[in-house]
Amino acid sequence: MSDFSIYKSIEASRIGANTDISNAAAPVAQAHTHQGEWRIANVTAGITEEPIGSVKYRANLIGASITMSAAAVANATDYNVVNIFKRTGSGAAVTMATANLSNVAVTGFVTIPLTLVTNSANTQLAAGDMLSCNVSKTGNGVANNPVGSLSFVFEDT
């Protein structure tokens, strides 16, 4: 049991003593989210899978987004797909979130949400799991050469 799990259990018991709160564990978990940011360069090029970092504690990915440094016109022929993966041990990459930028007008410095996969097991991380990303390119990719910043929100479990 992690230190956070112990803390969460104690806080849930303490808060649960208040009869006005029906699910004490939910606000405790929601109160302990962590955000991280990673930059990816040249999102017009196809980027093979690259490591982002490892997870120190069990967590769920509850949100992800990308912000580009420059605008790009919506295009169904030349676009990018951004994928976020987890790797457990030496296992294969498991998709956690994706942003398909086909026909998406990108505005510089405006956040684009990634879509989390529907299988919740794929967004759960264990201590030591690795996060990685790739950018696949269709046609020529987006019409300029922006830098992307990936943002993540994790909820402790």
N, C-alpha and C. Protein backbone atom coordinates (compact mmCIF):
# COMPACT_ATOMS: atom_id res chain seq x y z
N MET A 1 0.86 -1.17 0.00
CA MET A 1 0.00 0.00 0.00
C MET A 1 0.91 1.24 0.00
N SER A 2 0.65 2.18 -0.90
CA SER A 2 1.47 3.38 -0.99
C SER A 2 1.13 4.36 0.14
N ASP A 3 2.04 5.31 0.35
CA ASP A 3 1.78 6.34 1.36
C ASP A 3 0.51 7.10 1.03
N PHE A 4 0.28 7.37 -0.26
CA PHE A 4 -0.92 8.11 -0.62
C PHE A 4 -2.17 7.29 -0.35
N SER A 5 -2.11 5.97 -0.61
CA SER A 5 -3.27 5.12 -0.34
C SER A 5 -3.64 5.15 1.14
N ILE A 6 -2.63 5.13 2.00
CA ILE A 6 -2.88 5.20 3.44
C ILE A 6 -3.50 6.55 3.80
N TYR A 7 -2.90 7.62 3.27
CA TYR A 7 -3.43 8.96 3.52
C TYR A 7 -4.87 9.07 3.02
N LYS A 8 -5.11 8.57 1.81
CA LYS A 8 -6.45 8.66 1.22
C LYS A 8 -7.46 7.92 2.10
N SER A 9 -7.08 6.75 2.60
CA SER A 9 -7.97 5.97 3.46
C SER A 9 -8.29 6.73 4.75
N ILE A 10 -7.28 7.32 5.35
CA ILE A 10 -7.49 8.08 6.59
C ILE A 10 -8.38 9.30 6.34
N GLU A 11 -8.09 10.03 5.29
CA GLU A 11 -8.88 11.22 4.96
C GLU A 11 -10.32 10.85 4.61
N ALA A 12 -10.49 9.76 3.85
CA ALA A 12 -11.84 9.32 3.48
C ALA A 12 -12.64 8.97 4.75
N SER A 13 -11.98 8.32 5.70
CA SER A 13 -12.66 7.99 6.97
C SER A 13 -13.04 9.25 7.73
N ARG A 14 -12.10 10.19 7.78
CA ARG A 14 -12.34 11.44 8.50
C ARG A 14 -13.47 12.23 7.84
N ILE A 15 -13.40 12.39 6.53
CA ILE A 15 -14.42 13.15 5.81
C ILE A 15 -15.74 12.39 5.81
N GLY A 16 -15.67 11.06 5.72
CA GLY A 16 -16.87 10.24 5.69
C GLY A 16 -17.69 10.33 6.96
N ALA A 17 -17.06 10.78 8.05
CA ALA A 17 -17.78 10.96 9.31
C ALA A 17 -18.82 12.07 9.17
N ASN A 18 -18.63 12.95 8.18
CA ASN A 18 -19.59 14.01 7.91
C ASN A 18 -20.73 13.38 7.11
N THR A 19 -21.91 13.34 7.66
CA THR A 19 -23.04 12.66 7.02
C THR A 19 -23.53 13.37 5.76
N ASP A 20 -23.04 14.59 5.50
CA ASP A 20 -23.45 15.31 4.29
C ASP A 20 -22.65 14.86 3.07
N ILE A 21 -21.60 14.08 3.28
CA ILE A 21 -20.75 13.64 2.17
C ILE A 21 -20.99 12.16 1.94
N SER A 22 -21.42 11.80 0.72
CA SER A 22 -21.78 10.40 0.46
C SER A 22 -20.60 9.57 -0.03
N ASN A 23 -19.63 10.15 -0.75
CA ASN A 23 -18.48 9.40 -1.26
C ASN A 23 -17.22 10.17 -0.93
N ALA A 24 -16.68 9.93 0.25
CA ALA A 24 -15.53 10.72 0.71
C ALA A 24 -14.28 10.46 -0.09
N ALA A 25 -14.11 9.28 -0.64
CA ALA A 25 -12.88 8.96 -1.37
C ALA A 25 -12.73 9.79 -2.64
N ALA A 26 -13.82 10.11 -3.30
CA ALA A 26 -13.75 10.86 -4.56
C ALA A 26 -13.13 12.24 -4.39
N PRO A 27 -13.61 13.08 -3.43
CA PRO A 27 -12.97 14.39 -3.31
C PRO A 27 -11.53 14.31 -2.86
N VAL A 28 -11.18 13.29 -2.08
CA VAL A 28 -9.78 13.16 -1.66
C VAL A 28 -8.91 12.87 -2.87
N ALA A 29 -9.34 11.95 -3.73
CA ALA A 29 -8.56 11.64 -4.93
C ALA A 29 -8.49 12.85 -5.85
N GLN A 30 -9.62 13.54 -6.02
CA GLN A 30 -9.65 14.69 -6.91
C GLN A 30 -8.79 15.83 -6.39
N ALA A 31 -8.62 15.90 -5.09
CA ALA A 31 -7.82 16.97 -4.50
C ALA A 31 -6.33 16.72 -4.68
N HIS A 32 -5.96 15.54 -5.11
CA HIS A 32 -4.56 15.19 -5.24
C HIS A 32 -4.24 14.83 -6.68
N THR A 33 -4.35 15.80 -7.56
CA THR A 33 -3.97 15.59 -8.95
C THR A 33 -2.61 16.22 -9.17
N HIS A 34 -1.90 15.72 -10.15
CA HIS A 34 -0.57 16.23 -10.48
C HIS A 34 -0.56 16.56 -11.95
N GLN A 35 0.11 17.63 -12.30
CA GLN A 35 0.23 17.99 -13.70
C GLN A 35 1.68 17.93 -14.12
N GLY A 36 1.91 17.59 -15.37
CA GLY A 36 3.25 17.57 -15.90
C GLY A 36 3.22 18.06 -17.33
N GLU A 37 4.32 18.62 -17.77
CA GLU A 37 4.41 19.09 -19.16
C GLU A 37 5.69 18.60 -19.79
N TRP A 38 5.59 18.25 -21.07
CA TRP A 38 6.74 17.84 -21.84
C TRP A 38 6.64 18.48 -23.21
N ARG A 39 7.78 18.85 -23.76
CA ARG A 39 7.79 19.50 -25.08
C ARG A 39 8.23 18.51 -26.14
N ILE A 40 7.58 18.60 -27.30
CA ILE A 40 8.02 17.82 -28.45
C ILE A 40 8.32 18.81 -29.57
N ALA A 41 9.44 18.62 -30.21
CA ALA A 41 9.86 19.55 -31.27
C ALA A 41 9.39 19.07 -32.63
N ASN A 42 9.19 20.00 -33.53
CA ASN A 42 8.92 19.73 -34.94
C ASN A 42 7.80 18.72 -35.13
N VAL A 43 6.60 19.11 -34.77
CA VAL A 43 5.47 18.19 -34.90
C VAL A 43 5.01 18.02 -36.34
N THR A 44 5.67 18.67 -37.31
CA THR A 44 5.33 18.40 -38.70
C THR A 44 5.99 17.11 -39.17
N ALA A 45 7.06 16.74 -38.53
CA ALA A 45 7.74 15.50 -38.91
C ALA A 45 7.10 14.34 -38.18
N GLY A 46 7.20 13.16 -38.75
CA GLY A 46 6.77 11.98 -38.01
C GLY A 46 7.81 11.71 -36.93
N ILE A 47 7.38 11.51 -35.72
CA ILE A 47 8.30 11.24 -34.62
C ILE A 47 8.04 9.82 -34.16
N THR A 48 9.08 9.00 -34.19
CA THR A 48 8.92 7.66 -33.67
C THR A 48 8.70 7.76 -32.17
N GLU A 49 8.30 6.69 -31.56
CA GLU A 49 7.99 6.72 -30.13
C GLU A 49 9.21 7.20 -29.33
N GLU A 50 8.96 8.18 -28.47
CA GLU A 50 10.02 8.73 -27.63
C GLU A 50 9.59 8.69 -26.17
N PRO A 51 10.51 8.39 -25.26
CA PRO A 51 10.14 8.36 -23.85
C PRO A 51 9.85 9.76 -23.31
N ILE A 52 8.88 9.85 -22.42
CA ILE A 52 8.56 11.10 -21.75
C ILE A 52 9.07 11.06 -20.32
N GLY A 53 8.81 9.97 -19.62
CA GLY A 53 9.27 9.84 -18.25
C GLY A 53 8.58 8.69 -17.56
N SER A 54 8.97 8.45 -16.32
CA SER A 54 8.38 7.34 -15.58
C SER A 54 7.46 7.88 -14.49
N VAL A 55 6.59 7.01 -14.00
CA VAL A 55 5.63 7.36 -12.98
C VAL A 55 6.14 6.84 -11.64
N LYS A 56 6.14 7.70 -10.63
CA LYS A 56 6.66 7.30 -9.31
C LYS A 56 5.62 6.59 -8.46
N TYR A 57 4.33 6.92 -8.66
CA TYR A 57 3.26 6.36 -7.85
C TYR A 57 2.13 5.88 -8.75
N ARG A 58 1.29 5.02 -8.22
CA ARG A 58 0.11 4.60 -8.97
C ARG A 58 -0.75 5.84 -9.24
N ALA A 59 -1.30 5.89 -10.45
CA ALA A 59 -2.11 7.05 -10.83
C ALA A 59 -2.98 6.69 -12.02
N ASN A 60 -3.98 7.51 -12.25
CA ASN A 60 -4.81 7.43 -13.45
C ASN A 60 -4.56 8.68 -14.27
N LEU A 61 -4.45 8.52 -15.56
CA LEU A 61 -4.40 9.67 -16.46
C LEU A 61 -5.84 10.14 -16.63
N ILE A 62 -6.14 11.36 -16.20
CA ILE A 62 -7.52 11.86 -16.30
C ILE A 62 -7.66 13.00 -17.30
N GLY A 63 -6.55 13.46 -17.86
CA GLY A 63 -6.62 14.51 -18.86
C GLY A 63 -5.28 14.67 -19.57
N ALA A 64 -5.32 15.05 -20.82
CA ALA A 64 -4.11 15.31 -21.59
C ALA A 64 -4.44 16.31 -22.69
N SER A 65 -3.47 17.13 -23.04
CA SER A 65 -3.68 18.12 -24.10
C SER A 65 -2.35 18.44 -24.76
N ILE A 66 -2.44 19.07 -25.92
CA ILE A 66 -1.25 19.55 -26.62
C ILE A 66 -1.49 21.00 -27.00
N THR A 67 -0.45 21.79 -26.90
CA THR A 67 -0.50 23.19 -27.31
C THR A 67 0.62 23.41 -28.32
N MET A 68 0.28 23.95 -29.47
CA MET A 68 1.26 24.19 -30.53
C MET A 68 1.74 25.64 -30.48
N SER A 69 2.96 25.85 -30.94
CA SER A 69 3.53 27.19 -30.91
C SER A 69 3.13 28.05 -32.11
N ALA A 70 2.47 27.46 -33.09
CA ALA A 70 2.07 28.21 -34.28
C ALA A 70 0.75 27.67 -34.81
N ALA A 71 0.10 28.46 -35.64
CA ALA A 71 -1.19 28.07 -36.21
C ALA A 71 -0.99 27.12 -37.38
N ALA A 72 -2.03 26.34 -37.69
CA ALA A 72 -2.03 25.48 -38.86
C ALA A 72 -3.46 25.41 -39.38
N VAL A 73 -3.61 25.45 -40.68
CA VAL A 73 -4.92 25.41 -41.32
C VAL A 73 -5.46 23.98 -41.26
N ALA A 74 -6.76 23.85 -41.07
CA ALA A 74 -7.40 22.53 -41.08
C ALA A 74 -7.16 21.88 -42.43
N ASN A 75 -6.77 20.61 -42.41
CA ASN A 75 -6.44 19.92 -43.65
C ASN A 75 -6.73 18.43 -43.47
N ALA A 76 -7.43 17.83 -44.42
CA ALA A 76 -7.74 16.40 -44.34
C ALA A 76 -6.71 15.55 -45.06
N THR A 77 -5.75 16.18 -45.74
CA THR A 77 -4.73 15.45 -46.49
C THR A 77 -3.38 15.48 -45.79
N ASP A 78 -3.02 16.62 -45.23
CA ASP A 78 -1.73 16.80 -44.55
C ASP A 78 -1.99 17.13 -43.09
N TYR A 79 -1.80 16.16 -42.20
CA TYR A 79 -2.09 16.38 -40.78
C TYR A 79 -1.27 15.43 -39.93
N ASN A 80 -1.36 15.58 -38.63
CA ASN A 80 -0.64 14.76 -37.67
C ASN A 80 -1.61 14.08 -36.71
N VAL A 81 -1.17 12.98 -36.15
CA VAL A 81 -1.86 12.31 -35.06
C VAL A 81 -0.86 12.18 -33.91
N VAL A 82 -1.22 12.70 -32.75
CA VAL A 82 -0.37 12.63 -31.57
C VAL A 82 -0.89 11.52 -30.67
N ASN A 83 -0.02 10.61 -30.26
CA ASN A 83 -0.41 9.48 -29.41
C ASN A 83 0.41 9.46 -28.13
N ILE A 84 -0.24 9.15 -27.02
CA ILE A 84 0.43 8.98 -25.73
C ILE A 84 0.30 7.51 -25.36
N PHE A 85 1.41 6.92 -24.94
CA PHE A 85 1.44 5.50 -24.59
C PHE A 85 1.94 5.30 -23.17
N LYS A 86 1.63 4.13 -22.62
CA LYS A 86 2.29 3.67 -21.40
C LYS A 86 3.00 2.37 -21.73
N ARG A 87 4.08 2.13 -21.02
CA ARG A 87 4.80 0.87 -21.13
C ARG A 87 5.02 0.32 -19.74
N THR A 88 4.59 -0.91 -19.53
CA THR A 88 4.76 -1.57 -18.25
C THR A 88 5.89 -2.58 -18.39
N GLY A 89 6.96 -2.38 -17.66
CA GLY A 89 8.11 -3.27 -17.80
C GLY A 89 8.63 -3.23 -19.22
N SER A 90 8.83 -4.39 -19.80
CA SER A 90 9.32 -4.43 -21.19
C SER A 90 8.17 -4.70 -22.16
N GLY A 91 6.94 -4.44 -21.71
CA GLY A 91 5.76 -4.72 -22.53
C GLY A 91 5.61 -3.76 -23.69
N ALA A 92 4.67 -4.09 -24.54
CA ALA A 92 4.38 -3.27 -25.71
C ALA A 92 3.73 -1.95 -25.30
N ALA A 93 3.81 -0.99 -26.18
CA ALA A 93 3.17 0.31 -25.94
C ALA A 93 1.66 0.15 -25.94
N VAL A 94 1.00 0.73 -24.94
CA VAL A 94 -0.46 0.70 -24.82
C VAL A 94 -0.95 2.13 -24.96
N THR A 95 -1.83 2.38 -25.94
CA THR A 95 -2.33 3.73 -26.18
C THR A 95 -3.19 4.20 -25.01
N MET A 96 -2.89 5.41 -24.52
CA MET A 96 -3.66 6.02 -23.43
C MET A 96 -4.53 7.17 -23.93
N ALA A 97 -3.99 7.95 -24.87
CA ALA A 97 -4.71 9.12 -25.37
C ALA A 97 -4.21 9.45 -26.77
N THR A 98 -5.06 10.15 -27.54
CA THR A 98 -4.68 10.49 -28.90
C THR A 98 -5.34 11.81 -29.32
N ALA A 99 -4.70 12.51 -30.24
CA ALA A 99 -5.29 13.70 -30.85
C ALA A 99 -5.11 13.57 -32.36
N ASN A 100 -6.19 13.34 -33.07
CA ASN A 100 -6.16 13.25 -34.52
C ASN A 100 -6.43 14.66 -35.05
N LEU A 101 -5.44 15.27 -35.68
CA LEU A 101 -5.55 16.65 -36.12
C LEU A 101 -6.03 16.78 -37.57
N SER A 102 -6.65 15.73 -38.09
CA SER A 102 -7.22 15.80 -39.43
C SER A 102 -8.39 16.78 -39.41
N ASN A 103 -8.34 17.75 -40.32
CA ASN A 103 -9.38 18.78 -40.42
C ASN A 103 -9.55 19.61 -39.15
N VAL A 104 -8.48 19.74 -38.36
CA VAL A 104 -8.51 20.55 -37.15
C VAL A 104 -7.70 21.82 -37.40
N ALA A 105 -8.34 22.96 -37.27
CA ALA A 105 -7.61 24.23 -37.37
C ALA A 105 -6.87 24.44 -36.05
N VAL A 106 -5.56 24.55 -36.13
CA VAL A 106 -4.73 24.73 -34.94
C VAL A 106 -4.43 26.21 -34.79
N THR A 107 -4.68 26.72 -33.60
CA THR A 107 -4.35 28.11 -33.27
C THR A 107 -3.15 28.07 -32.34
N GLY A 108 -2.14 28.87 -32.66
CA GLY A 108 -0.95 28.89 -31.82
C GLY A 108 -1.30 29.25 -30.38
N PHE A 109 -0.73 28.51 -29.45
CA PHE A 109 -0.86 28.74 -28.01
C PHE A 109 -2.29 28.55 -27.49
N VAL A 110 -3.10 27.76 -28.22
CA VAL A 110 -4.43 27.39 -27.75
C VAL A 110 -4.43 25.87 -27.57
N THR A 111 -4.86 25.43 -26.42
CA THR A 111 -4.81 24.02 -26.04
C THR A 111 -5.80 23.18 -26.84
N ILE A 112 -5.33 22.01 -27.28
CA ILE A 112 -6.16 21.02 -27.97
C ILE A 112 -6.22 19.80 -27.06
N PRO A 113 -7.41 19.40 -26.61
CA PRO A 113 -7.49 18.23 -25.73
C PRO A 113 -7.21 16.94 -26.49
N LEU A 114 -6.54 16.00 -25.85
CA LEU A 114 -6.38 14.66 -26.39
C LEU A 114 -7.56 13.84 -25.89
N THR A 115 -7.96 12.87 -26.67
CA THR A 115 -9.06 11.98 -26.29
C THR A 115 -8.49 10.77 -25.56
N LEU A 116 -8.95 10.56 -24.33
CA LEU A 116 -8.51 9.38 -23.58
C LEU A 116 -9.19 8.15 -24.17
N VAL A 117 -8.51 7.02 -24.15
CA VAL A 117 -9.10 5.78 -24.62
C VAL A 117 -10.26 5.39 -23.71
N THR A 118 -11.20 4.63 -24.23
CA THR A 118 -12.39 4.28 -23.44
C THR A 118 -12.13 3.16 -22.45
N ASN A 119 -11.11 2.35 -22.67
CA ASN A 119 -10.77 1.26 -21.76
C ASN A 119 -10.00 1.86 -20.57
N SER A 120 -10.66 1.98 -19.42
CA SER A 120 -10.05 2.65 -18.27
C SER A 120 -8.78 1.95 -17.79
N ALA A 121 -8.64 0.65 -18.04
CA ALA A 121 -7.41 -0.05 -17.64
C ALA A 121 -6.20 0.52 -18.36
N ASN A 122 -6.41 1.06 -19.56
CA ASN A 122 -5.30 1.62 -20.33
C ASN A 122 -4.84 2.97 -19.81
N THR A 123 -5.63 3.63 -18.98
CA THR A 123 -5.21 4.93 -18.43
C THR A 123 -4.70 4.79 -17.00
N GLN A 124 -4.66 3.57 -16.48
CA GLN A 124 -4.15 3.33 -15.13
C GLN A 124 -2.65 3.05 -15.20
N LEU A 125 -1.91 3.70 -14.32
CA LEU A 125 -0.46 3.56 -14.29
C LEU A 125 -0.01 2.99 -12.96
N ALA A 126 0.98 2.12 -13.00
CA ALA A 126 1.59 1.59 -11.79
C ALA A 126 2.92 2.30 -11.58
N ALA A 127 3.39 2.29 -10.35
CA ALA A 127 4.71 2.87 -10.06
C ALA A 127 5.74 2.21 -10.98
N GLY A 128 6.54 3.02 -11.65
CA GLY A 128 7.57 2.50 -12.54
C GLY A 128 7.17 2.44 -14.00
N ASP A 129 5.89 2.57 -14.31
CA ASP A 129 5.47 2.57 -15.72
C ASP A 129 6.09 3.76 -16.43
N MET A 130 6.36 3.60 -17.71
CA MET A 130 6.93 4.66 -18.53
C MET A 130 5.85 5.28 -19.41
N LEU A 131 5.92 6.58 -19.62
CA LEU A 131 5.07 7.28 -20.59
C LEU A 131 5.92 7.58 -21.81
N SER A 132 5.29 7.48 -22.98
CA SER A 132 5.98 7.83 -24.21
C SER A 132 4.97 8.45 -25.17
N CYS A 133 5.48 9.03 -26.24
CA CYS A 133 4.58 9.63 -27.24
C CYS A 133 5.17 9.43 -28.62
N ASN A 134 4.31 9.55 -29.61
CA ASN A 134 4.78 9.63 -30.99
C ASN A 134 3.87 10.57 -31.75
N VAL A 135 4.36 11.03 -32.87
CA VAL A 135 3.57 11.86 -33.78
C VAL A 135 3.65 11.19 -35.13
N SER A 136 2.52 10.71 -35.62
CA SER A 136 2.49 10.12 -36.96
C SER A 136 2.02 11.20 -37.93
N LYS A 137 2.52 11.12 -39.12
CA LYS A 137 2.27 12.15 -40.12
C LYS A 137 1.55 11.55 -41.30
N THR A 138 0.49 12.21 -41.76
CA THR A 138 -0.20 11.82 -42.99
C THR A 138 0.08 12.92 -44.02
N GLY A 139 0.44 12.52 -45.23
CA GLY A 139 0.81 13.51 -46.24
C GLY A 139 2.06 14.24 -45.79
N ASN A 140 2.01 15.56 -45.78
CA ASN A 140 3.15 16.38 -45.37
C ASN A 140 3.06 16.83 -43.92
N GLY A 141 2.10 16.31 -43.18
CA GLY A 141 1.93 16.80 -41.82
C GLY A 141 1.33 18.19 -41.86
N VAL A 142 1.33 18.87 -40.73
CA VAL A 142 0.77 20.23 -40.70
C VAL A 142 1.63 21.15 -41.53
N ALA A 143 1.07 22.29 -41.93
CA ALA A 143 1.70 23.14 -42.95
C ALA A 143 2.81 24.04 -42.43
N ASN A 144 3.19 23.94 -41.18
CA ASN A 144 4.29 24.75 -40.68
C ASN A 144 5.14 23.90 -39.77
N ASN A 145 5.95 24.50 -38.95
CA ASN A 145 6.90 23.74 -38.14
C ASN A 145 6.77 24.11 -36.66
N PRO A 146 5.60 23.85 -36.04
CA PRO A 146 5.44 24.26 -34.66
C PRO A 146 6.12 23.31 -33.68
N VAL A 147 6.34 23.81 -32.49
CA VAL A 147 6.76 22.99 -31.37
C VAL A 147 5.51 22.71 -30.56
N GLY A 148 5.38 21.50 -30.04
CA GLY A 148 4.21 21.15 -29.25
C GLY A 148 4.58 20.94 -27.80
N SER A 149 3.68 21.31 -26.92
CA SER A 149 3.85 21.08 -25.50
C SER A 149 2.71 20.17 -25.03
N LEU A 150 3.07 19.00 -24.51
CA LEU A 150 2.08 18.06 -24.00
C LEU A 150 1.85 18.31 -22.52
N SER A 151 0.61 18.32 -22.12
CA SER A 151 0.26 18.50 -20.71
C SER A 151 -0.56 17.29 -20.26
N PHE A 152 -0.32 16.86 -19.04
CA PHE A 152 -1.01 15.70 -18.48
C PHE A 152 -1.56 16.05 -17.12
N VAL A 153 -2.69 15.44 -16.76
CA VAL A 153 -3.24 15.54 -15.41
C VAL A 153 -3.42 14.11 -14.90
N PHE A 154 -2.79 13.81 -13.78
CA PHE A 154 -2.87 12.49 -13.17
C PHE A 154 -3.61 12.58 -11.86
N GLU A 155 -4.36 11.54 -11.55
CA GLU A 155 -5.05 11.44 -10.28
C GLU A 155 -4.44 10.27 -9.53
N ASP A 156 -4.00 10.50 -8.30
CA ASP A 156 -3.44 9.42 -7.49
C ASP A 156 -4.51 8.38 -7.20
N THR A 157 -4.08 7.12 -7.11
CA THR A 157 -5.02 6.05 -6.76
C THR A 157 -4.57 5.36 -5.50
